[in-house]
């Protein structure tokens, strides 16, 4: 398999530049959402979306990478595998519940948007059981300086109940 060269990860870009202004975050987020929507339209759920798996080309265009945990969605079948990076994993994934697929990628997109705008993770704890408890409860705070529209979008993406989560 031959892939185009991508010069780095979104993770490294965030570490180097810190939180982003809304316009820059919007550009990255829109590209990521378009790529995720393309995957979902073709029945592929990634299940490990995080800045380390979002590569950037020399024009800072986003490329989704590492489909090692991805799965093909089939009608009527649910997934149960607990996979992905804990800080970006949806409550239903860490809870070992059944899930259709796209909703777990939507949750991860919400976490990534939060990271782009705030510069840190919404759910973070070195003690994994405490981290999982925060995720399961949806316990996070949005700084007041975040634009109302962006804050509302994050809230719609990080809804604990996958049925009520934006899609």
Protein backbone atom coordinates (compact mmCIF):
# COMPACT_ATOMS: atom_id res chain seq x y z
CA UNK A 1 0.00 0.00 0.00
CA UNK A 2 1.33 3.43 -0.94
CA UNK A 3 0.21 6.50 0.98
CA UNK A 4 1.03 10.14 0.51
CA UNK A 5 3.61 11.62 2.86
CA UNK A 6 2.27 13.53 5.84
CA UNK A 7 4.84 15.55 7.71
CA UNK A 8 3.48 15.31 11.24
CA UNK A 9 0.62 14.77 13.63
CA UNK A 10 -2.03 17.16 14.82
CA UNK A 11 -0.86 16.19 18.32
CA UNK A 12 2.63 17.62 17.69
CA UNK A 13 1.09 20.76 16.19
CA UNK A 14 -1.03 21.27 19.33
CA UNK A 15 1.96 20.66 21.63
CA UNK A 16 4.05 23.16 19.67
CA UNK A 17 1.37 25.86 19.25
CA UNK A 18 -0.99 25.35 22.19
CA UNK A 19 -4.71 26.00 22.04
CA UNK A 20 -6.00 27.43 18.81
CA UNK A 21 -8.02 30.43 17.83
CA UNK A 22 -11.51 29.50 16.78
CA UNK A 23 -10.90 29.98 13.03
CA UNK A 24 -7.90 27.66 13.02
CA UNK A 25 -9.65 25.05 15.16
CA UNK A 26 -12.69 25.25 12.86
CA UNK A 27 -10.53 24.50 9.81
CA UNK A 28 -9.00 21.39 11.39
CA UNK A 29 -12.33 20.28 12.84
CA UNK A 30 -14.21 20.66 9.54
CA UNK A 31 -11.61 18.62 7.69
CA UNK A 32 -11.70 15.92 10.36
CA UNK A 33 -15.51 15.80 10.31
CA UNK A 34 -15.59 15.52 6.52
CA UNK A 35 -13.15 12.61 6.65
CA UNK A 36 -15.06 10.89 9.46
CA UNK A 37 -18.36 11.39 7.61
CA UNK A 38 -16.78 9.83 4.51
CA UNK A 39 -15.72 6.80 6.55
CA UNK A 40 -19.16 6.43 8.11
CA UNK A 41 -20.86 6.77 4.72
CA UNK A 42 -18.70 3.85 3.58
CA UNK A 43 -19.61 1.82 6.69
CA UNK A 44 -16.24 2.25 8.42
CA UNK A 45 -15.99 3.28 12.06
CA UNK A 46 -12.49 4.34 13.15
CA UNK A 47 -12.77 3.82 16.94
CA UNK A 48 -9.41 5.45 17.76
CA UNK A 49 -9.70 9.07 16.69
CA UNK A 50 -7.21 11.27 18.52
CA UNK A 51 -4.73 14.00 17.52
CA UNK A 52 -1.96 11.40 17.24
CA UNK A 53 -3.95 9.66 14.48
CA UNK A 54 -4.69 12.84 12.56
CA UNK A 55 -1.77 13.56 10.28
CA UNK A 56 -1.00 16.92 8.68
CA UNK A 57 0.45 17.44 5.23
CA UNK A 58 2.67 20.38 4.31
CA UNK A 59 -0.44 22.56 3.81
CA UNK A 60 -1.78 21.56 7.26
CA UNK A 61 -4.54 19.44 5.75
CA UNK A 62 -5.85 16.67 8.00
CA UNK A 63 -5.45 13.01 7.03
CA UNK A 64 -6.94 10.28 9.22
CA UNK A 65 -4.44 7.50 9.93
CA UNK A 66 -4.14 4.25 11.89
CA UNK A 67 -7.21 2.25 10.99
CA UNK A 68 -5.91 -0.69 13.04
CA UNK A 69 -8.89 -0.61 15.43
CA UNK A 70 -11.46 0.29 12.79
CA UNK A 71 -14.38 -1.95 11.93
CA UNK A 72 -16.91 -2.32 9.17
CA UNK A 73 -20.47 -1.57 10.23
CA UNK A 74 -23.20 -3.94 9.18
CA UNK A 75 -26.91 -3.27 9.57
CA UNK A 76 -28.38 -4.79 12.70
CA UNK A 77 -25.02 -5.72 14.19
CA UNK A 78 -23.53 -3.94 17.16
CA UNK A 79 -19.95 -3.68 18.36
CA UNK A 80 -18.79 -4.30 21.90
CA UNK A 81 -15.00 -4.23 21.73
CA UNK A 82 -13.48 -1.82 24.21
CA UNK A 83 -10.75 -0.16 22.20
CA UNK A 84 -9.17 3.18 21.52
CA UNK A 85 -7.31 5.61 23.74
CA UNK A 86 -8.98 6.02 27.14
CA UNK A 87 -9.07 9.84 27.16
CA UNK A 88 -10.88 9.89 23.80
CA UNK A 89 -13.10 6.82 24.30
CA UNK A 90 -16.88 7.18 24.59
CA UNK A 91 -18.71 6.12 27.76
CA UNK A 92 -20.31 3.14 26.02
CA UNK A 93 -16.87 1.90 24.92
CA UNK A 94 -15.23 2.09 28.34
CA UNK A 95 -18.39 0.65 29.90
CA UNK A 96 -18.29 -2.43 27.67
CA UNK A 97 -21.75 -1.70 26.25
CA UNK A 98 -22.99 -2.45 22.75
CA UNK A 99 -22.63 0.38 20.23
CA UNK A 100 -23.45 0.83 16.55
CA UNK A 101 -20.19 2.61 15.73
CA UNK A 102 -20.51 6.19 14.45
CA UNK A 103 -21.51 7.55 17.86
CA UNK A 104 -18.14 6.58 19.36
CA UNK A 105 -16.31 8.52 16.63
CA UNK A 106 -18.61 11.51 17.25
CA UNK A 107 -17.63 11.47 20.95
CA UNK A 108 -13.93 11.38 20.02
CA UNK A 109 -14.48 14.32 17.66
CA UNK A 110 -15.97 16.24 20.58
CA UNK A 111 -12.94 15.51 22.74
CA UNK A 112 -10.64 16.61 19.91
CA UNK A 113 -12.58 19.86 19.38
CA UNK A 114 -12.27 20.58 23.10
CA UNK A 115 -8.50 19.96 22.92
CA UNK A 116 -8.15 22.24 19.88
CA UNK A 117 -9.95 25.13 21.59
CA UNK A 118 -8.92 24.69 25.23
CA UNK A 119 -5.46 23.16 24.87
CA UNK A 120 -6.06 20.30 27.31
CA UNK A 121 -8.21 17.20 27.61
CA UNK A 122 -11.77 17.49 28.96
CA UNK A 123 -11.42 14.16 30.78
CA UNK A 124 -8.02 13.57 32.34
CA UNK A 125 -6.82 11.61 35.33
CA UNK A 126 -3.74 9.45 35.84
CA UNK A 127 -5.88 7.01 37.85
CA UNK A 128 -7.74 5.08 35.13
CA UNK A 129 -10.81 4.20 37.25
CA UNK A 130 -11.21 7.91 38.10
CA UNK A 131 -10.79 8.83 34.43
CA UNK A 132 -13.45 6.30 33.43
CA UNK A 133 -15.80 7.63 36.12
CA UNK A 134 -15.42 11.19 34.76
CA UNK A 135 -16.13 9.98 31.23
CA UNK A 136 -19.11 7.86 32.32
CA UNK A 137 -20.64 10.86 34.12
CA UNK A 138 -19.65 13.35 31.43
CA UNK A 139 -17.85 15.43 34.05
CA UNK A 140 -15.91 18.26 32.42
CA UNK A 141 -16.00 22.05 32.34
CA UNK A 142 -15.79 24.47 29.46
CA UNK A 143 -13.86 27.68 30.14
CA UNK A 144 -15.99 30.82 29.97
CA UNK A 145 -13.79 32.34 27.30
CA UNK A 146 -14.89 29.69 24.77
CA UNK A 147 -17.37 31.05 22.22
CA UNK A 148 -20.98 30.11 23.02
CA UNK A 149 -21.49 28.38 19.67
CA UNK A 150 -18.35 26.28 20.08
CA UNK A 151 -19.28 25.45 23.68
CA UNK A 152 -22.75 24.34 22.59
CA UNK A 153 -21.27 22.12 19.87
CA UNK A 154 -18.90 20.48 22.35
CA UNK A 155 -21.84 19.87 24.70
CA UNK A 156 -23.81 18.18 21.88
CA UNK A 157 -20.87 15.96 20.96
CA UNK A 158 -20.02 14.96 24.54
CA UNK A 159 -23.47 13.73 25.56
CA UNK A 160 -23.10 10.58 27.67
CA UNK A 161 -26.22 8.93 26.22
CA UNK A 162 -25.22 7.91 22.66
CA UNK A 163 -28.84 8.10 21.46
CA UNK A 164 -28.98 11.80 22.41
CA UNK A 165 -25.49 12.61 21.08
CA UNK A 166 -25.20 14.67 17.90
CA UNK A 167 -24.77 12.54 14.81
